[in-house]
Amino acid sequence: MVDPLILSRGANRRTRTFSVAGIFIALTFLTSCMTSPITGGSRPAWNDINVIRENVELPRAHFVAYPNREEALSGGSNPNFQSLNGPWKFHYSGSPADRPVHFF
């Protein structure tokens, strides 16, 4: 006759072995998911010191069209250009309800 205590020890060892192996497999899977090429394995852009800018247009030159070549070469006033320098109408309101109705 087999002692039931010996059988239970063997069952506990197998259960413990399976649970340790399961934990190991789960941790391996989670670690591989964190460093997978899909996620990049890096910080998000807002938390990465190496990211200077994101979703911006590249710098470029701005051109203003003149009506003809002579006016462009003379550097005179351009009817197609309006400077934004100068006085502006501005009124600060604490809320939309406090704004002047006919401001413009």
Foldseek 3Di string as FASTA:
>chain_A
DDDVVVVVVVVVVVVVVVVVVVVVVVVVVVVCVCCDVVNPNDDPLVPDPVNPDDPDDDDDDDDFDAPDDVCVVVVDDGPRDDDPDDDDQDDDDPDPVRDDPPRD
